[in-house]
């Protein structure tokens, strides 16, 4: 279950009585957002748009594009931009250095500003 899209998990996810799913989509292994979007668009989605495990800061345009893919299935008020997992997964050893984590979060903020201007 560590690779591939969320299709195999859909039966379990659909039964869950929750308002929001926070899912990792910053890496290709998550597959196409359509799999979840078609099945779970009645919920909110915390969309993972940056990978905290890499030193590469995702371009704002790439984050916006990923969010716009999700907006084909979710209303703007249902969509939240997140990191995949988090930056401090291990107490004694952070996943990333503070400067890179800060820049990744800044990219998310800028993408959110652009999306709010476009979609309200």
Foldseek 3Di string as FASTA:
>chain_A
DPFAACLVVLVVVLPDPDQEDEAEDCDCRNPQPVSCLVRPQNHAYAYANAELQDLDQDALVSSLVNVVSSCVRHAPVRYHYDHHPDQQPDPVDTSDDPVSNVSNVVSSVVSVVVCVVVRD
